[in-house]
Amino acid sequence: MAGQPNNTMRIVLSHQPVLTPQSEFGYEIISQLHPSLVMSGHEHTSTHIIWETLEDPLYGRSRVEEYISNSHTGSSLWRLNVEERSVGQEVVVPTCSYRMGVPHMAYGFMFIDKDRSIINYGLLWLPPRLFHIFLYIAYLVTACFISIFKYKTSSTDILNVRKYYHNV
């Protein structure tokens, strides 16, 4: 954008991913706002999308030249350089709710270094829910089994002691 200072960062927050291959809305966002970073979350997965935009005189807006999608890599910290104005980035934030039914859940955090035009984005991964649910069930069943076994054993011993004393 003309007259935009170099240290200005524009971060767009959206529920729906802005840049999908057939997204007219996404192209309008890129053309009008020229975001440094787009954060979205509808897909409930961890994805990093990089695009290069070129001004298209035919349509009078930016168009996407290159589209790279990097799904969950297992990395927990990303360093995003947002200094280059012709390159845009979208981070799709994973869900933090167990109810979404996805295997990888996390909380995201972000540190913005405006002086160096760097955004550090990190994920705090949550433990898998099914493993812990099964672990709790196994613990509960084991505790019940031990309690029942101790109860049966102790009541049997008391009866044997009574029989012994009654016979004397």
C-alpha atoms as a PDB file:
ATOM      1  CA  MET A   1       0.000   0.000   0.000  1.00  0.00           C
ATOM      2  CA  ALA A   2       1.233   3.447  -0.792  1.00  0.00           C
ATOM      3  CA  GLY A   3       2.307   5.423   2.218  1.00  0.00           C
ATOM      4  CA  GLN A   4       2.269   2.415   4.539  1.00  0.00           C
ATOM      5  CA  PRO A   5       5.170   2.566   7.041  1.00  0.00           C
ATOM      6  CA  ASN A   6       7.589  -0.353   6.943  1.00  0.00           C
ATOM      7  CA  ASN A   7       7.052  -1.257  10.590  1.00  0.00           C
ATOM      8  CA  THR A   8       3.275  -1.651  10.227  1.00  0.00           C
ATOM      9  CA  MET A   9       1.919  -5.165  10.533  1.00  0.00           C
ATOM     10  CA  ARG A  10      -1.600  -6.065   9.554  1.00  0.00           C
ATOM     11  CA  ILE A  11      -2.963  -9.203  11.147  1.00  0.00           C
ATOM     12  CA  VAL A  12      -6.354 -10.425   9.975  1.00  0.00           C
ATOM     13  CA  LEU A  13      -8.364 -12.739  12.245  1.00  0.00           C
ATOM     14  CA  SER A  14     -10.992 -14.890  10.577  1.00  0.00           C
ATOM     15  CA  HIS A  15     -12.930 -17.983  11.517  1.00  0.00           C
ATOM     16  CA  GLN A  16     -12.923 -19.337   7.951  1.00  0.00           C
ATOM     17  CA  PRO A  17      -9.594 -19.767   6.156  1.00  0.00           C
ATOM     18  CA  VAL A  18      -9.137 -16.704   3.982  1.00  0.00           C
ATOM     19  CA  LEU A  19      -6.944 -18.175   1.303  1.00  0.00           C
ATOM     20  CA  THR A  20      -8.395 -21.252  -0.313  1.00  0.00           C
ATOM     21  CA  PRO A  21      -7.955 -22.006  -4.020  1.00  0.00           C
ATOM     22  CA  GLN A  22     -11.507 -20.891  -4.938  1.00  0.00           C
ATOM     23  CA  SER A  23     -11.968 -18.085  -2.413  1.00  0.00           C
ATOM     24  CA  GLU A  24     -13.164 -14.817  -3.937  1.00  0.00           C
ATOM     25  CA  PHE A  25     -13.498 -13.423  -0.427  1.00  0.00           C
ATOM     26  CA  GLY A  26      -9.858 -14.281   0.286  1.00  0.00           C
ATOM     27  CA  TYR A  27      -8.644 -12.453  -2.799  1.00  0.00           C
ATOM     28  CA  GLU A  28     -10.648  -9.386  -1.785  1.00  0.00           C
ATOM     29  CA  ILE A  29      -9.116  -9.470   1.704  1.00  0.00           C
ATOM     30  CA  ILE A  30      -5.619  -9.681   0.227  1.00  0.00           C
ATOM     31  CA  SER A  31      -6.285  -6.892  -2.271  1.00  0.00           C
ATOM     32  CA  GLN A  32      -7.861  -4.448   0.146  1.00  0.00           C
ATOM     33  CA  LEU A  33      -6.066  -5.077   3.441  1.00  0.00           C
ATOM     34  CA  HIS A  34      -2.645  -6.398   2.330  1.00  0.00           C
ATOM     35  CA  PRO A  35      -2.264  -8.453   5.517  1.00  0.00           C
ATOM     36  CA  SER A  36       1.113  -9.497   6.869  1.00  0.00           C
ATOM     37  CA  LEU A  37      -0.494 -12.495   8.534  1.00  0.00           C
ATOM     38  CA  VAL A  38      -3.911 -14.138   8.522  1.00  0.00           C
ATOM     39  CA  MET A  39      -5.026 -16.249  11.497  1.00  0.00           C
ATOM     40  CA  SER A  40      -7.966 -18.609  10.988  1.00  0.00           C
ATOM     41  CA  GLY A  41      -9.297 -21.643  12.785  1.00  0.00           C
ATOM     42  CA  HIS A  42     -12.251 -23.332  11.079  1.00  0.00           C
ATOM     43  CA  GLU A  43     -10.325 -26.396   9.903  1.00  0.00           C
ATOM     44  CA  HIS A  44      -9.276 -27.359  13.477  1.00  0.00           C
ATOM     45  CA  THR A  45      -5.832 -28.436  12.261  1.00  0.00           C
ATOM     46  CA  SER A  46      -2.416 -26.833  12.413  1.00  0.00           C
ATOM     47  CA  THR A  47      -1.504 -25.498   8.977  1.00  0.00           C
ATOM     48  CA  HIS A  48       0.843 -22.837   7.638  1.00  0.00           C
ATOM     49  CA  ILE A  49      -0.079 -21.415   4.228  1.00  0.00           C
ATOM     50  CA  ILE A  50       2.276 -19.160   2.270  1.00  0.00           C
ATOM     51  CA  TRP A  51       1.238 -17.207  -0.796  1.00  0.00           C
ATOM     52  CA  GLU A  52       2.880 -14.713  -3.091  1.00  0.00           C
ATOM     53  CA  THR A  53       0.696 -11.941  -4.436  1.00  0.00           C
ATOM     54  CA  LEU A  54       1.072  -9.914  -7.585  1.00  0.00           C
ATOM     55  CA  GLU A  55      -1.028  -6.940  -8.572  1.00  0.00           C
ATOM     56  CA  ASP A  56      -3.304  -8.014 -11.414  1.00  0.00           C
ATOM     57  CA  PRO A  57      -4.163  -4.991 -13.605  1.00  0.00           C
ATOM     58  CA  LEU A  58      -6.911  -6.944 -15.371  1.00  0.00           C
ATOM     59  CA  TYR A  59      -8.923  -7.321 -12.166  1.00  0.00           C
ATOM     60  CA  GLY A  60      -7.465  -4.387 -10.222  1.00  0.00           C
ATOM     61  CA  ARG A  61      -6.597  -6.584  -7.252  1.00  0.00           C
ATOM     62  CA  SER A  62      -3.921  -8.903  -5.954  1.00  0.00           C
ATOM     63  CA  ARG A  63      -3.857 -12.413  -7.256  1.00  0.00           C
ATOM     64  CA  VAL A  64      -2.249 -15.451  -5.742  1.00  0.00           C
ATOM     65  CA  GLU A  65       0.808 -16.549  -7.653  1.00  0.00           C
ATOM     66  CA  GLU A  66       2.037 -19.373  -5.496  1.00  0.00           C
ATOM     67  CA  TYR A  67       0.205 -21.418  -2.901  1.00  0.00           C
ATOM     68  CA  ILE A  68       2.101 -23.600  -0.430  1.00  0.00           C
ATOM     69  CA  SER A  69       0.310 -25.430   2.360  1.00  0.00           C
ATOM     70  CA  ASN A  70       2.280 -27.029   5.169  1.00  0.00           C
ATOM     71  CA  SER A  71       0.061 -29.176   7.379  1.00  0.00           C
ATOM     72  CA  HIS A  72       0.896 -30.284  10.925  1.00  0.00           C
ATOM     73  CA  THR A  73       4.633 -30.942  10.967  1.00  0.00           C
ATOM     74  CA  GLY A  74       4.943 -31.739  14.630  1.00  0.00           C
ATOM     75  CA  SER A  75       6.837 -28.503  15.125  1.00  0.00           C
ATOM     76  CA  SER A  76       5.698 -26.475  18.108  1.00  0.00           C
ATOM     77  CA  LEU A  77       7.335 -23.149  17.274  1.00  0.00           C
ATOM     78  CA  TRP A  78       7.273 -21.290  13.978  1.00  0.00           C
ATOM     79  CA  ARG A  79       9.215 -18.139  13.166  1.00  0.00           C
ATOM     80  CA  LEU A  80       7.294 -16.165  10.567  1.00  0.00           C
ATOM     81  CA  ASN A  81       9.102 -13.363   8.771  1.00  0.00           C
ATOM     82  CA  VAL A  82       6.468 -10.853   7.680  1.00  0.00           C
ATOM     83  CA  GLU A  83       8.851  -8.228   6.305  1.00  0.00           C
ATOM     84  CA  GLU A  84       8.295  -9.132   2.648  1.00  0.00           C
ATOM     85  CA  ARG A  85       5.122  -7.335   1.523  1.00  0.00           C
ATOM     86  CA  SER A  86       4.495  -9.468  -1.574  1.00  0.00           C
ATOM     87  CA  VAL A  87       4.462 -12.664   0.486  1.00  0.00           C
ATOM     88  CA  GLY A  88       1.502 -13.382   2.725  1.00  0.00           C
ATOM     89  CA  GLN A  89       1.085 -16.067   5.333  1.00  0.00           C
ATOM     90  CA  GLU A  90      -1.921 -17.724   6.880  1.00  0.00           C
ATOM     91  CA  VAL A  91      -1.769 -19.777  10.043  1.00  0.00           C
ATOM     92  CA  VAL A  92      -4.688 -22.115  10.638  1.00  0.00           C
ATOM     93  CA  VAL A  93      -4.933 -22.586  14.390  1.00  0.00           C
ATOM     94  CA  PRO A  94      -5.791 -26.051  15.724  1.00  0.00           C
ATOM     95  CA  THR A  95      -8.703 -26.584  18.075  1.00  0.00           C
ATOM     96  CA  CYS A  96      -8.271 -26.706  21.831  1.00  0.00           C
ATOM     97  CA  SER A  97     -11.525 -28.611  22.394  1.00  0.00           C
ATOM     98  CA  TYR A  98     -11.709 -32.368  22.808  1.00  0.00           C
ATOM     99  CA  ARG A  99     -15.242 -32.280  21.369  1.00  0.00           C
ATOM    100  CA  MET A 100     -14.033 -31.558  17.824  1.00  0.00           C
ATOM    101  CA  GLY A 101     -12.882 -35.148  17.362  1.00  0.00           C
ATOM    102  CA  VAL A 102      -9.451 -34.364  15.918  1.00  0.00           C
ATOM    103  CA  PRO A 103      -6.318 -36.159  17.105  1.00  0.00           C
ATOM    104  CA  HIS A 104      -4.096 -33.072  17.557  1.00  0.00           C
ATOM    105  CA  MET A 105      -5.349 -30.286  19.850  1.00  0.00           C
ATOM    106  CA  ALA A 106      -3.356 -27.301  21.066  1.00  0.00           C
ATOM    107  CA  TYR A 107      -3.389 -23.808  22.482  1.00  0.00           C
ATOM    108  CA  GLY A 108      -1.600 -21.235  20.363  1.00  0.00           C
ATOM    109  CA  PHE A 109       0.473 -18.280  21.495  1.00  0.00           C
ATOM    110  CA  MET A 110       2.149 -15.495  19.592  1.00  0.00           C
ATOM    111  CA  PHE A 111       4.969 -13.040  20.195  1.00  0.00           C
ATOM    112  CA  ILE A 112       5.195 -10.116  17.783  1.00  0.00           C
ATOM    113  CA  ASP A 113       8.568  -8.421  17.277  1.00  0.00           C
ATOM    114  CA  LYS A 114       7.564  -5.304  15.364  1.00  0.00           C
ATOM    115  CA  ASP A 115      11.114  -3.960  15.096  1.00  0.00           C
ATOM    116  CA  ARG A 116      12.402  -6.987  13.188  1.00  0.00           C
ATOM    117  CA  SER A 117       9.075  -7.867  11.472  1.00  0.00           C
ATOM    118  CA  ILE A 118       9.113 -11.333  12.979  1.00  0.00           C
ATOM    119  CA  ILE A 119       6.218 -13.215  14.535  1.00  0.00           C
ATOM    120  CA  ASN A 120       6.979 -16.190  16.751  1.00  0.00           C
ATOM    121  CA  TYR A 121       3.972 -18.483  16.831  1.00  0.00           C
ATOM    122  CA  GLY A 122       3.926 -21.495  19.097  1.00  0.00           C
ATOM    123  CA  LEU A 123       1.639 -24.358  20.000  1.00  0.00           C
ATOM    124  CA  LEU A 124       1.138 -25.957  23.376  1.00  0.00           C
ATOM    125  CA  TRP A 125      -0.046 -29.443  22.447  1.00  0.00           C
ATOM    126  CA  LEU A 126      -2.690 -31.103  24.593  1.00  0.00           C
ATOM    127  CA  PRO A 127      -2.443 -34.770  25.517  1.00  0.00           C
ATOM    128  CA  PRO A 128      -4.542 -37.182  23.472  1.00  0.00           C
ATOM    129  CA  ARG A 129      -7.905 -37.651  25.124  1.00  0.00           C
ATOM    130  CA  LEU A 130      -8.636 -41.324  24.390  1.00  0.00           C
ATOM    131  CA  PHE A 131      -5.387 -42.562  25.907  1.00  0.00           C
ATOM    132  CA  HIS A 132      -6.141 -40.820  29.196  1.00  0.00           C
ATOM    133  CA  ILE A 133      -9.793 -41.871  29.223  1.00  0.00           C
ATOM    134  CA  PHE A 134      -8.755 -45.524  28.793  1.00  0.00           C
ATOM    135  CA  LEU A 135      -6.072 -45.049  31.436  1.00  0.00           C
ATOM    136  CA  TYR A 136      -8.669 -43.698  33.913  1.00  0.00           C
ATOM    137  CA  ILE A 137     -11.047 -46.571  33.126  1.00  0.00           C
ATOM    138  CA  ALA A 138      -8.257 -49.119  33.633  1.00  0.00           C
ATOM    139  CA  TYR A 139      -7.333 -47.433  36.927  1.00  0.00           C
ATOM    140  CA  LEU A 140     -10.968 -47.471  38.080  1.00  0.00           C
ATOM    141  CA  VAL A 141     -11.459 -51.141  37.156  1.00  0.00           C
ATOM    142  CA  THR A 142      -8.203 -52.085  38.906  1.00  0.00           C
ATOM    143  CA  ALA A 143      -9.153 -50.118  42.046  1.00  0.00           C
ATOM    144  CA  CYS A 144     -12.603 -51.774  42.117  1.00  0.00           C
ATOM    145  CA  PHE A 145     -11.073 -55.225  41.638  1.00  0.00           C
ATOM    146  CA  ILE A 146      -8.571 -54.666  44.455  1.00  0.00           C
ATOM    147  CA  SER A 147     -11.298 -53.325  46.772  1.00  0.00           C
ATOM    148  CA  ILE A 148     -13.590 -56.279  46.082  1.00  0.00           C
ATOM    149  CA  PHE A 149     -10.723 -58.741  46.504  1.00  0.00           C
ATOM    150  CA  LYS A 150      -9.697 -57.182  49.837  1.00  0.00           C
ATOM    151  CA  TYR A 151     -13.305 -57.140  51.037  1.00  0.00           C
ATOM    152  CA  LYS A 152     -13.813 -60.798  50.126  1.00  0.00           C
ATOM    153  CA  THR A 153     -10.513 -61.786  51.687  1.00  0.00           C
ATOM    154  CA  SER A 154     -11.057 -59.842  54.908  1.00  0.00           C
ATOM    155  CA  SER A 155     -14.637 -61.097  55.431  1.00  0.00           C
ATOM    156  CA  THR A 156     -13.495 -64.667  54.861  1.00  0.00           C
ATOM    157  CA  ASP A 157     -10.730 -64.271  57.460  1.00  0.00           C
ATOM    158  CA  ILE A 158     -13.199 -62.863  60.002  1.00  0.00           C
ATOM    159  CA  LEU A 159     -15.525 -65.834  59.469  1.00  0.00           C
ATOM    160  CA  ASN A 160     -12.647 -68.279  59.878  1.00  0.00           C
ATOM    161  CA  VAL A 161     -11.564 -66.569  63.110  1.00  0.00           C
ATOM    162  CA  ARG A 162     -15.124 -66.787  64.461  1.00  0.00           C
ATOM    163  CA  LYS A 163     -15.320 -70.483  63.605  1.00  0.00           C
ATOM    164  CA  TYR A 164     -12.011 -71.081  65.308  1.00  0.00           C
ATOM    165  CA  TYR A 165     -13.061 -69.344  68.535  1.00  0.00           C
ATOM    166  CA  HIS A 166     -16.480 -71.012  68.601  1.00  0.00           C
ATOM    167  CA  ASN A 167     -14.943 -74.450  68.376  1.00  0.00           C
ATOM    168  CA  VAL A 168     -12.649 -73.931  71.324  1.00  0.00           C
END
